[in-house]
Amino acid sequence: MSEHAPNVFELDKIHVELLQTSLSVSQIRSDLLDADTSPLKSYLPKMRSIWLTFSQCEEEIEKIQRSILLSVESENRRKLAQDISLNSAKGARSRNTQDV
């Protein structure tokens, strides 16, 4: 079980990041709805703020995507190492039975 623990923690971290990004997206939607009814004087600063938040969300999504890809590759390496160990053990047992 201990070999799976880091992946579980990494997935929990990614899940929290996704939830935070979803919250930011929700805020962008609310701001866009609010900006639609705003006078021009306050509209432009609101739009600037929305674009900044949007850019931050984009960066967070790219970071999450990288984290997911790294987790997948880590799991692939773990499985390959496990397969190599199993096959090495089988080969050793096979050689031992042939020697007898």
PDB file of N, CA and C in Angstrom:
ATOM      1  N   MET A   1       0.825  -1.207   0.000  1.00  0.00           N
ATOM      2  CA  MET A   1       0.000   0.000   0.000  1.00  0.00           C
ATOM      3  C   MET A   1       0.861   1.260   0.000  1.00  0.00           C
ATOM      4  N   SER A   2       2.035   1.181   0.640  1.00  0.00           N
ATOM      5  CA  SER A   2       2.869   2.377   0.744  1.00  0.00           C
ATOM      6  C   SER A   2       3.356   2.864  -0.614  1.00  0.00           C
ATOM      7  N   GLU A   3       3.516   1.947  -1.595  1.00  0.00           N
ATOM      8  CA  GLU A   3       3.973   2.380  -2.904  1.00  0.00           C
ATOM      9  C   GLU A   3       2.909   3.189  -3.646  1.00  0.00           C
ATOM     10  N   HIS A   4       1.644   3.076  -3.238  1.00  0.00           N
ATOM     11  CA  HIS A   4       0.572   3.832  -3.878  1.00  0.00           C
ATOM     12  C   HIS A   4       0.307   5.164  -3.189  1.00  0.00           C
ATOM     13  N   ALA A   5       0.771   5.332  -1.970  1.00  0.00           N
ATOM     14  CA  ALA A   5       0.462   6.527  -1.184  1.00  0.00           C
ATOM     15  C   ALA A   5       0.856   7.833  -1.872  1.00  0.00           C
ATOM     16  N   PRO A   6       2.067   7.959  -2.442  1.00  0.00           N
ATOM     17  CA  PRO A   6       2.410   9.239  -3.081  1.00  0.00           C
ATOM     18  C   PRO A   6       1.457   9.605  -4.216  1.00  0.00           C
ATOM     19  N   ASN A   7       1.014   8.614  -4.990  1.00  0.00           N
ATOM     20  CA  ASN A   7       0.086   8.897  -6.079  1.00  0.00           C
ATOM     21  C   ASN A   7      -1.249   9.393  -5.547  1.00  0.00           C
ATOM     22  N   VAL A   8      -1.712   8.825  -4.446  1.00  0.00           N
ATOM     23  CA  VAL A   8      -2.979   9.250  -3.852  1.00  0.00           C
ATOM     24  C   VAL A   8      -2.872  10.699  -3.384  1.00  0.00           C
ATOM     25  N   PHE A   9      -1.768  11.032  -2.728  1.00  0.00           N
ATOM     26  CA  PHE A   9      -1.587  12.404  -2.262  1.00  0.00           C
ATOM     27  C   PHE A   9      -1.481  13.375  -3.439  1.00  0.00           C
ATOM     28  N   GLU A  10      -0.798  12.955  -4.487  1.00  0.00           N
ATOM     29  CA  GLU A  10      -0.669  13.811  -5.674  1.00  0.00           C
ATOM     30  C   GLU A  10      -2.036  14.022  -6.320  1.00  0.00           C
ATOM     31  N   LEU A  11      -2.836  12.977  -6.394  1.00  0.00           N
ATOM     32  CA  LEU A  11      -4.179  13.112  -6.968  1.00  0.00           C
ATOM     33  C   LEU A  11      -5.058  14.014  -6.110  1.00  0.00           C
ATOM     34  N   ASP A  12      -4.920  13.922  -4.795  1.00  0.00           N
ATOM     35  CA  ASP A  12      -5.673  14.823  -3.909  1.00  0.00           C
ATOM     36  C   ASP A  12      -5.267  16.272  -4.145  1.00  0.00           C
ATOM     37  N   LYS A  13      -3.978  16.499  -4.311  1.00  0.00           N
ATOM     38  CA  LYS A  13      -3.472  17.854  -4.577  1.00  0.00           C
ATOM     39  C   LYS A  13      -4.042  18.383  -5.898  1.00  0.00           C
ATOM     40  N   ILE A  14      -4.028  17.541  -6.919  1.00  0.00           N
ATOM     41  CA  ILE A  14      -4.572  17.931  -8.223  1.00  0.00           C
ATOM     42  C   ILE A  14      -6.065  18.227  -8.101  1.00  0.00           C
ATOM     43  N   HIS A  15      -6.771  17.419  -7.331  1.00  0.00           N
ATOM     44  CA  HIS A  15      -8.212  17.632  -7.139  1.00  0.00           C
ATOM     45  C   HIS A  15      -8.479  18.995  -6.502  1.00  0.00           C
ATOM     46  N   VAL A  16      -7.708  19.340  -5.488  1.00  0.00           N
ATOM     47  CA  VAL A  16      -7.868  20.649  -4.835  1.00  0.00           C
ATOM     48  C   VAL A  16      -7.581  21.774  -5.828  1.00  0.00           C
ATOM     49  N   GLU A  17      -6.538  21.618  -6.638  1.00  0.00           N
ATOM     50  CA  GLU A  17      -6.216  22.638  -7.640  1.00  0.00           C
ATOM     51  C   GLU A  17      -7.347  22.792  -8.651  1.00  0.00           C
ATOM     52  N   LEU A  18      -7.945  21.679  -9.054  1.00  0.00           N
ATOM     53  CA  LEU A  18      -9.084  21.743  -9.979  1.00  0.00           C
ATOM     54  C   LEU A  18     -10.269  22.466  -9.352  1.00  0.00           C
ATOM     55  N   LEU A  19     -10.528  22.183  -8.083  1.00  0.00           N
ATOM     56  CA  LEU A  19     -11.627  22.866  -7.392  1.00  0.00           C
ATOM     57  C   LEU A  19     -11.365  24.367  -7.291  1.00  0.00           C
ATOM     58  N   GLN A  20     -10.125  24.743  -6.997  1.00  0.00           N
ATOM     59  CA  GLN A  20      -9.784  26.165  -6.915  1.00  0.00           C
ATOM     60  C   GLN A  20      -9.949  26.844  -8.273  1.00  0.00           C
ATOM     61  N   THR A  21      -9.546  26.155  -9.325  1.00  0.00           N
ATOM     62  CA  THR A  21      -9.698  26.707 -10.669  1.00  0.00           C
ATOM     63  C   THR A  21     -11.171  26.820 -11.035  1.00  0.00           C
ATOM     64  N   SER A  22     -11.968  25.847 -10.651  1.00  0.00           N
ATOM     65  CA  SER A  22     -13.415  25.916 -10.898  1.00  0.00           C
ATOM     66  C   SER A  22     -14.036  27.112 -10.188  1.00  0.00           C
ATOM     67  N   LEU A  23     -13.565  27.380  -8.990  1.00  0.00           N
ATOM     68  CA  LEU A  23     -14.043  28.550  -8.254  1.00  0.00           C
ATOM     69  C   LEU A  23     -13.676  29.839  -8.991  1.00  0.00           C
ATOM     70  N   SER A  24     -12.465  29.905  -9.519  1.00  0.00           N
ATOM     71  CA  SER A  24     -12.049  31.084 -10.283  1.00  0.00           C
ATOM     72  C   SER A  24     -12.886  31.254 -11.543  1.00  0.00           C
ATOM     73  N   VAL A  25     -13.175  30.153 -12.221  1.00  0.00           N
ATOM     74  CA  VAL A  25     -14.012  30.207 -13.427  1.00  0.00           C
ATOM     75  C   VAL A  25     -15.409  30.696 -13.067  1.00  0.00           C
ATOM     76  N   SER A  26     -15.933  30.235 -11.957  1.00  0.00           N
ATOM     77  CA  SER A  26     -17.248  30.694 -11.504  1.00  0.00           C
ATOM     78  C   SER A  26     -17.234  32.198 -11.227  1.00  0.00           C
ATOM     79  N   GLN A  27     -16.133  32.671 -10.634  1.00  0.00           N
ATOM     80  CA  GLN A  27     -16.006  34.106 -10.368  1.00  0.00           C
ATOM     81  C   GLN A  27     -15.959  34.897 -11.677  1.00  0.00           C
ATOM     82  N   ILE A  28     -15.261  34.367 -12.668  1.00  0.00           N
ATOM     83  CA  ILE A  28     -15.208  35.025 -13.983  1.00  0.00           C
ATOM     84  C   ILE A  28     -16.615  35.120 -14.569  1.00  0.00           C
ATOM     85  N   ARG A  29     -17.367  34.037 -14.498  1.00  0.00           N
ATOM     86  CA  ARG A  29     -18.744  34.056 -15.019  1.00  0.00           C
ATOM     87  C   ARG A  29     -19.587  35.111 -14.316  1.00  0.00           C
ATOM     88  N   SER A  30     -19.476  35.162 -12.999  1.00  0.00           N
ATOM     89  CA  SER A  30     -20.238  36.163 -12.238  1.00  0.00           C
ATOM     90  C   SER A  30     -19.827  37.576 -12.629  1.00  0.00           C
ATOM     91  N   ASP A  31     -18.523  37.781 -12.754  1.00  0.00           N
ATOM     92  CA  ASP A  31     -18.032  39.107 -13.140  1.00  0.00           C
ATOM     93  C   ASP A  31     -18.507  39.499 -14.533  1.00  0.00           C
ATOM     94  N   LEU A  32     -18.527  38.531 -15.453  1.00  0.00           N
ATOM     95  CA  LEU A  32     -19.013  38.825 -16.805  1.00  0.00           C
ATOM     96  C   LEU A  32     -20.494  39.189 -16.800  1.00  0.00           C
ATOM     97  N   LEU A  33     -21.273  38.474 -16.013  1.00  0.00           N
ATOM     98  CA  LEU A  33     -22.700  38.802 -15.914  1.00  0.00           C
ATOM     99  C   LEU A  33     -22.899  40.179 -15.300  1.00  0.00           C
ATOM    100  N   ASP A  34     -22.097  40.489 -14.297  1.00  0.00           N
ATOM    101  CA  ASP A  34     -22.188  41.788 -13.636  1.00  0.00           C
ATOM    102  C   ASP A  34     -21.700  42.911 -14.557  1.00  0.00           C
ATOM    103  N   ALA A  35     -20.649  42.633 -15.320  1.00  0.00           N
ATOM    104  CA  ALA A  35     -20.089  43.653 -16.210  1.00  0.00           C
ATOM    105  C   ALA A  35     -21.066  44.021 -17.319  1.00  0.00           C
ATOM    106  N   ASP A  36     -21.889  43.075 -17.697  1.00  0.00           N
ATOM    107  CA  ASP A  36     -22.855  43.307 -18.770  1.00  0.00           C
ATOM    108  C   ASP A  36     -23.841  44.420 -18.420  1.00  0.00           C
ATOM    109  N   THR A  37     -24.112  44.595 -17.148  1.00  0.00           N
ATOM    110  CA  THR A  37     -25.077  45.615 -16.720  1.00  0.00           C
ATOM    111  C   THR A  37     -24.397  46.845 -16.113  1.00  0.00           C
ATOM    112  N   SER A  38     -23.076  46.905 -16.190  1.00  0.00           N
ATOM    113  CA  SER A  38     -22.327  48.008 -15.579  1.00  0.00           C
ATOM    114  C   SER A  38     -22.236  49.201 -16.517  1.00  0.00           C
ATOM    115  N   PRO A  39     -22.140  50.403 -15.945  1.00  0.00           N
ATOM    116  CA  PRO A  39     -21.880  51.573 -16.779  1.00  0.00           C
ATOM    117  C   PRO A  39     -20.466  51.482 -17.364  1.00  0.00           C
ATOM    118  N   LEU A  40     -20.237  52.158 -18.467  1.00  0.00           N
ATOM    119  CA  LEU A  40     -18.968  52.080 -19.185  1.00  0.00           C
ATOM    120  C   LEU A  40     -17.776  52.419 -18.293  1.00  0.00           C
ATOM    121  N   LYS A  41     -17.947  53.376 -17.390  1.00  0.00           N
ATOM    122  CA  LYS A  41     -16.843  53.806 -16.529  1.00  0.00           C
ATOM    123  C   LYS A  41     -16.320  52.648 -15.669  1.00  0.00           C
ATOM    124  N   SER A  42     -17.186  51.812 -15.169  1.00  0.00           N
ATOM    125  CA  SER A  42     -16.739  50.685 -14.345  1.00  0.00           C
ATOM    126  C   SER A  42     -16.558  49.405 -15.167  1.00  0.00           C
ATOM    127  N   TYR A  43     -17.066  49.405 -16.395  1.00  0.00           N
ATOM    128  CA  TYR A  43     -16.983  48.222 -17.255  1.00  0.00           C
ATOM    129  C   TYR A  43     -15.534  47.881 -17.611  1.00  0.00           C
ATOM    130  N   LEU A  44     -14.769  48.896 -18.029  1.00  0.00           N
ATOM    131  CA  LEU A  44     -13.393  48.654 -18.475  1.00  0.00           C
ATOM    132  C   LEU A  44     -12.504  48.095 -17.365  1.00  0.00           C
ATOM    133  N   PRO A  45     -12.518  48.664 -16.157  1.00  0.00           N
ATOM    134  CA  PRO A  45     -11.710  48.062 -15.087  1.00  0.00           C
ATOM    135  C   PRO A  45     -12.160  46.630 -14.751  1.00  0.00           C
ATOM    136  N   LYS A  46     -13.465  46.387 -14.815  1.00  0.00           N
ATOM    137  CA  LYS A  46     -13.958  45.032 -14.540  1.00  0.00           C
ATOM    138  C   LYS A  46     -13.455  44.050 -15.596  1.00  0.00           C
ATOM    139  N   MET A  47     -13.473  44.486 -16.856  1.00  0.00           N
ATOM    140  CA  MET A  47     -13.009  43.606 -17.930  1.00  0.00           C
ATOM    141  C   MET A  47     -11.514  43.310 -17.788  1.00  0.00           C
ATOM    142  N   ARG A  48     -10.756  44.315 -17.387  1.00  0.00           N
ATOM    143  CA  ARG A  48      -9.314  44.105 -17.165  1.00  0.00           C
ATOM    144  C   ARG A  48      -9.110  43.068 -16.062  1.00  0.00           C
ATOM    145  N   SER A  49      -9.850  43.201 -14.989  1.00  0.00           N
ATOM    146  CA  SER A  49      -9.767  42.247 -13.882  1.00  0.00           C
ATOM    147  C   SER A  49     -10.168  40.842 -14.330  1.00  0.00           C
ATOM    148  N   ILE A  50     -11.195  40.764 -15.144  1.00  0.00           N
ATOM    149  CA  ILE A  50     -11.653  39.470 -15.662  1.00  0.00           C
ATOM    150  C   ILE A  50     -10.557  38.820 -16.502  1.00  0.00           C
ATOM    151  N   TRP A  51      -9.914  39.615 -17.365  1.00  0.00           N
ATOM    152  CA  TRP A  51      -8.859  39.064 -18.217  1.00  0.00           C
ATOM    153  C   TRP A  51      -7.655  38.607 -17.399  1.00  0.00           C
ATOM    154  N   LEU A  52      -7.333  39.331 -16.346  1.00  0.00           N
ATOM    155  CA  LEU A  52      -6.234  38.907 -15.475  1.00  0.00           C
ATOM    156  C   LEU A  52      -6.570  37.582 -14.791  1.00  0.00           C
ATOM    157  N   THR A  53      -7.783  37.476 -14.291  1.00  0.00           N
ATOM    158  CA  THR A  53      -8.217  36.235 -13.646  1.00  0.00           C
ATOM    159  C   THR A  53      -8.243  35.095 -14.659  1.00  0.00           C
ATOM    160  N   PHE A  54      -8.693  35.396 -15.861  1.00  0.00           N
ATOM    161  CA  PHE A  54      -8.722  34.394 -16.926  1.00  0.00           C
ATOM    162  C   PHE A  54      -7.312  33.891 -17.226  1.00  0.00           C
ATOM    163  N   SER A  55      -6.346  34.788 -17.301  1.00  0.00           N
ATOM    164  CA  SER A  55      -4.952  34.403 -17.558  1.00  0.00           C
ATOM    165  C   SER A  55      -4.405  33.528 -16.435  1.00  0.00           C
ATOM    166  N   GLN A  56      -4.758  33.876 -15.206  1.00  0.00           N
ATOM    167  CA  GLN A  56      -4.321  33.063 -14.067  1.00  0.00           C
ATOM    168  C   GLN A  56      -4.930  31.666 -14.134  1.00  0.00           C
ATOM    169  N   CYS A  57      -6.187  31.586 -14.520  1.00  0.00           N
ATOM    170  CA  CYS A  57      -6.853  30.282 -14.667  1.00  0.00           C
ATOM    171  C   CYS A  57      -6.157  29.446 -15.740  1.00  0.00           C
ATOM    172  N   GLU A  58      -5.810  30.096 -16.832  1.00  0.00           N
ATOM    173  CA  GLU A  58      -5.126  29.396 -17.914  1.00  0.00           C
ATOM    174  C   GLU A  58      -3.803  28.807 -17.424  1.00  0.00           C
ATOM    175  N   GLU A  59      -3.048  29.588 -16.662  1.00  0.00           N
ATOM    176  CA  GLU A  59      -1.783  29.103 -16.108  1.00  0.00           C
ATOM    177  C   GLU A  59      -2.014  27.940 -15.150  1.00  0.00           C
ATOM    178  N   GLU A  60      -3.037  28.044 -14.316  1.00  0.00           N
ATOM    179  CA  GLU A  60      -3.345  26.974 -13.367  1.00  0.00           C
ATOM    180  C   GLU A  60      -3.750  25.692 -14.091  1.00  0.00           C
ATOM    181  N   ILE A  61      -4.533  25.829 -15.142  1.00  0.00           N
ATOM    182  CA  ILE A  61      -4.960  24.650 -15.905  1.00  0.00           C
ATOM    183  C   ILE A  61      -3.753  23.969 -16.549  1.00  0.00           C
ATOM    184  N   GLU A  62      -2.823  24.756 -17.085  1.00  0.00           N
ATOM    185  CA  GLU A  62      -1.607  24.181 -17.669  1.00  0.00           C
ATOM    186  C   GLU A  62      -0.784  23.470 -16.599  1.00  0.00           C
ATOM    187  N   LYS A  63      -0.713  24.058 -15.411  1.00  0.00           N
ATOM    188  CA  LYS A  63       0.012  23.442 -14.294  1.00  0.00           C
ATOM    189  C   LYS A  63      -0.650  22.124 -13.887  1.00  0.00           C
ATOM    190  N   ILE A  64      -1.973  22.119 -13.818  1.00  0.00           N
ATOM    191  CA  ILE A  64      -2.713  20.899 -13.472  1.00  0.00           C
ATOM    192  C   ILE A  64      -2.490  19.825 -14.532  1.00  0.00           C
ATOM    193  N   GLN A  65      -2.520  20.239 -15.789  1.00  0.00           N
ATOM    194  CA  GLN A  65      -2.301  19.292 -16.884  1.00  0.00           C
ATOM    195  C   GLN A  65      -0.918  18.647 -16.765  1.00  0.00           C
ATOM    196  N   ARG A  66       0.106  19.456 -16.482  1.00  0.00           N
ATOM    197  CA  ARG A  66       1.454  18.912 -16.298  1.00  0.00           C
ATOM    198  C   ARG A  66       1.494  17.946 -15.116  1.00  0.00           C
ATOM    199  N   SER A  67       0.835  18.308 -14.022  1.00  0.00           N
ATOM    200  CA  SER A  67       0.811  17.439 -12.838  1.00  0.00           C
ATOM    201  C   SER A  67       0.160  16.098 -13.152  1.00  0.00           C
ATOM    202  N   ILE A  68      -0.926  16.136 -13.898  1.00  0.00           N
ATOM    203  CA  ILE A  68      -1.615  14.895 -14.267  1.00  0.00           C
ATOM    204  C   ILE A  68      -0.716  14.034 -15.152  1.00  0.00           C
ATOM    205  N   LEU A  69      -0.077  14.658 -16.140  1.00  0.00           N
ATOM    206  CA  LEU A  69       0.812  13.905 -17.027  1.00  0.00           C
ATOM    207  C   LEU A  69       1.985  13.303 -16.256  1.00  0.00           C
ATOM    208  N   LEU A  70       2.541  14.063 -15.311  1.00  0.00           N
ATOM    209  CA  LEU A  70       3.633  13.539 -14.487  1.00  0.00           C
ATOM    210  C   LEU A  70       3.165  12.375 -13.621  1.00  0.00           C
ATOM    211  N   SER A  71       1.965  12.468 -13.080  1.00  0.00           N
ATOM    212  CA  SER A  71       1.419  11.375 -12.265  1.00  0.00           C
ATOM    213  C   SER A  71       1.211  10.117 -13.102  1.00  0.00           C
ATOM    214  N   VAL A  72       0.706  10.296 -14.308  1.00  0.00           N
ATOM    215  CA  VAL A  72       0.491   9.151 -15.199  1.00  0.00           C
ATOM    216  C   VAL A  72       1.828   8.494 -15.539  1.00  0.00           C
ATOM    217  N   GLU A  73       2.831   9.309 -15.867  1.00  0.00           N
ATOM    218  CA  GLU A  73       4.147   8.757 -16.196  1.00  0.00           C
ATOM    219  C   GLU A  73       4.774   8.061 -14.996  1.00  0.00           C
ATOM    220  N   SER A  74       4.596   8.619 -13.822  1.00  0.00           N
ATOM    221  CA  SER A  74       5.117   7.998 -12.605  1.00  0.00           C
ATOM    222  C   SER A  74       4.483   6.628 -12.389  1.00  0.00           C
ATOM    223  N   GLU A  75       3.188   6.551 -12.589  1.00  0.00           N
ATOM    224  CA  GLU A  75       2.483   5.274 -12.441  1.00  0.00           C
ATOM    225  C   GLU A  75       2.941   4.283 -13.507  1.00  0.00           C
ATOM    226  N   ASN A  76       3.153   4.755 -14.736  1.00  0.00           N
ATOM    227  CA  ASN A  76       3.656   3.874 -15.797  1.00  0.00           C
ATOM    228  C   ASN A  76       5.028   3.311 -15.432  1.00  0.00           C
ATOM    229  N   ARG A  77       5.916   4.174 -14.907  1.00  0.00           N
ATOM    230  CA  ARG A  77       7.245   3.719 -14.496  1.00  0.00           C
ATOM    231  C   ARG A  77       7.149   2.694 -13.365  1.00  0.00           C
ATOM    232  N   ARG A  78       6.257   2.939 -12.417  1.00  0.00           N
ATOM    233  CA  ARG A  78       6.087   2.012 -11.296  1.00  0.00           C
ATOM    234  C   ARG A  78       5.640   0.644 -11.802  1.00  0.00           C
ATOM    235  N   LYS A  79       4.667   0.641 -12.730  1.00  0.00           N
ATOM    236  CA  LYS A  79       4.176  -0.629 -13.278  1.00  0.00           C
ATOM    237  C   LYS A  79       5.268  -1.347 -14.075  1.00  0.00           C
ATOM    238  N   LEU A  80       6.033  -0.591 -14.861  1.00  0.00           N
ATOM    239  CA  LEU A  80       7.119  -1.205 -15.628  1.00  0.00           C
ATOM    240  C   LEU A  80       8.168  -1.807 -14.699  1.00  0.00           C
ATOM    241  N   ALA A  81       8.529  -1.086 -13.649  1.00  0.00           N
ATOM    242  CA  ALA A  81       9.506  -1.599 -12.684  1.00  0.00           C
ATOM    243  C   ALA A  81       8.975  -2.864 -12.012  1.00  0.00           C
ATOM    244  N   GLN A  82       7.697  -2.872 -11.697  1.00  0.00           N
ATOM    245  CA  GLN A  82       7.081  -4.049 -11.081  1.00  0.00           C
ATOM    246  C   GLN A  82       7.105  -5.229 -12.056  1.00  0.00           C
ATOM    247  N   ASP A  83       6.785  -4.976 -13.325  1.00  0.00           N
ATOM    248  CA  ASP A  83       6.820  -6.037 -14.336  1.00  0.00           C
ATOM    249  C   ASP A  83       8.238  -6.583 -14.510  1.00  0.00           C
ATOM    250  N   ILE A  84       9.220  -5.696 -14.511  1.00  0.00           N
ATOM    251  CA  ILE A  84      10.616  -6.124 -14.638  1.00  0.00           C
ATOM    252  C   ILE A  84      10.995  -7.004 -13.454  1.00  0.00           C
ATOM    253  N   SER A  85      10.604  -6.591 -12.248  1.00  0.00           N
ATOM    254  CA  SER A  85      10.899  -7.385 -11.046  1.00  0.00           C
ATOM    255  C   SER A  85      10.257  -8.763 -11.126  1.00  0.00           C
ATOM    256  N   LEU A  86       8.991  -8.798 -11.529  1.00  0.00           N
ATOM    257  CA  LEU A  86       8.293 -10.083 -11.628  1.00  0.00           C
ATOM    258  C   LEU A  86       8.949 -10.992 -12.660  1.00  0.00           C
ATOM    259  N   ASN A  87       9.289 -10.422 -13.815  1.00  0.00           N
ATOM    260  CA  ASN A  87       9.912 -11.224 -14.867  1.00  0.00           C
ATOM    261  C   ASN A  87      11.313 -11.674 -14.470  1.00  0.00           C
ATOM    262  N   SER A  88      12.044 -10.831 -13.765  1.00  0.00           N
ATOM    263  CA  SER A  88      13.378 -11.221 -13.287  1.00  0.00           C
ATOM    264  C   SER A  88      13.271 -12.362 -12.293  1.00  0.00           C
ATOM    265  N   ALA A  89      12.291 -12.281 -11.402  1.00  0.00           N
ATOM    266  CA  ALA A  89      12.092 -13.337 -10.407  1.00  0.00           C
ATOM    267  C   ALA A  89      11.687 -14.644 -11.090  1.00  0.00           C
ATOM    268  N   LYS A  90      10.828 -14.562 -12.089  1.00  0.00           N
ATOM    269  CA  LYS A  90      10.414 -15.765 -12.822  1.00  0.00           C
ATOM    270  C   LYS A  90      11.608 -16.382 -13.537  1.00  0.00           C
ATOM    271  N   GLY A  91      12.430 -15.531 -14.145  1.00  0.00           N
ATOM    272  CA  GLY A  91      13.622 -16.020 -14.844  1.00  0.00           C
ATOM    273  C   GLY A  91      14.591 -16.690 -13.897  1.00  0.00           C
ATOM    274  N   ALA A  92      14.767 -16.129 -12.709  1.00  0.00           N
ATOM    275  CA  ALA A  92      15.666 -16.719 -11.719  1.00  0.00           C
ATOM    276  C   ALA A  92      15.132 -18.070 -11.256  1.00  0.00           C
ATOM    277  N   ARG A  93      13.825 -18.153 -11.013  1.00  0.00           N
ATOM    278  CA  ARG A  93      13.225 -19.430 -10.605  1.00  0.00           C
ATOM    279  C   ARG A  93      13.372 -20.467 -11.717  1.00  0.00           C
ATOM    280  N   SER A  94      13.192 -20.027 -12.948  1.00  0.00           N
ATOM    281  CA  SER A  94      13.300 -20.932 -14.088  1.00  0.00           C
ATOM    282  C   SER A  94      14.724 -21.473 -14.200  1.00  0.00           C
ATOM    283  N   ARG A  95      15.722 -20.622 -14.013  1.00  0.00           N
ATOM    284  CA  ARG A  95      17.119 -21.054 -14.075  1.00  0.00           C
ATOM    285  C   ARG A  95      17.434 -22.015 -12.929  1.00  0.00           C
ATOM    286  N   ASN A  96      16.885 -21.733 -11.747  1.00  0.00           N
ATOM    287  CA  ASN A  96      17.133 -22.600 -10.591  1.00  0.00           C
ATOM    288  C   ASN A  96      16.545 -23.990 -10.797  1.00  0.00           C
ATOM    289  N   THR A  97      15.359 -24.086 -11.384  1.00  0.00           N
ATOM    290  CA  THR A  97      14.744 -25.400 -11.603  1.00  0.00           C
ATOM    291  C   THR A  97      15.479 -26.166 -12.696  1.00  0.00           C
ATOM    292  N   GLN A  98      16.075 -25.470 -13.661  1.00  0.00           N
ATOM    293  CA  GLN A  98      16.836 -26.136 -14.712  1.00  0.00           C
ATOM    294  C   GLN A  98      18.155 -26.676 -14.169  1.00  0.00           C
ATOM    295  N   ASP A  99      18.711 -25.995 -13.181  1.00  0.00           N
ATOM    296  CA  ASP A  99      19.981 -26.417 -12.593  1.00  0.00           C
ATOM    297  C   ASP A  99      19.819 -27.676 -11.751  1.00  0.00           C
ATOM    298  N   VAL A 100      18.613 -27.911 -11.253  1.00  0.00           N
ATOM    299  CA  VAL A 100      18.375 -29.057 -10.362  1.00  0.00           C
ATOM    300  C   VAL A 100      18.291 -30.324 -11.102  1.00  0.00           C
TER     301      VAL A 100
END
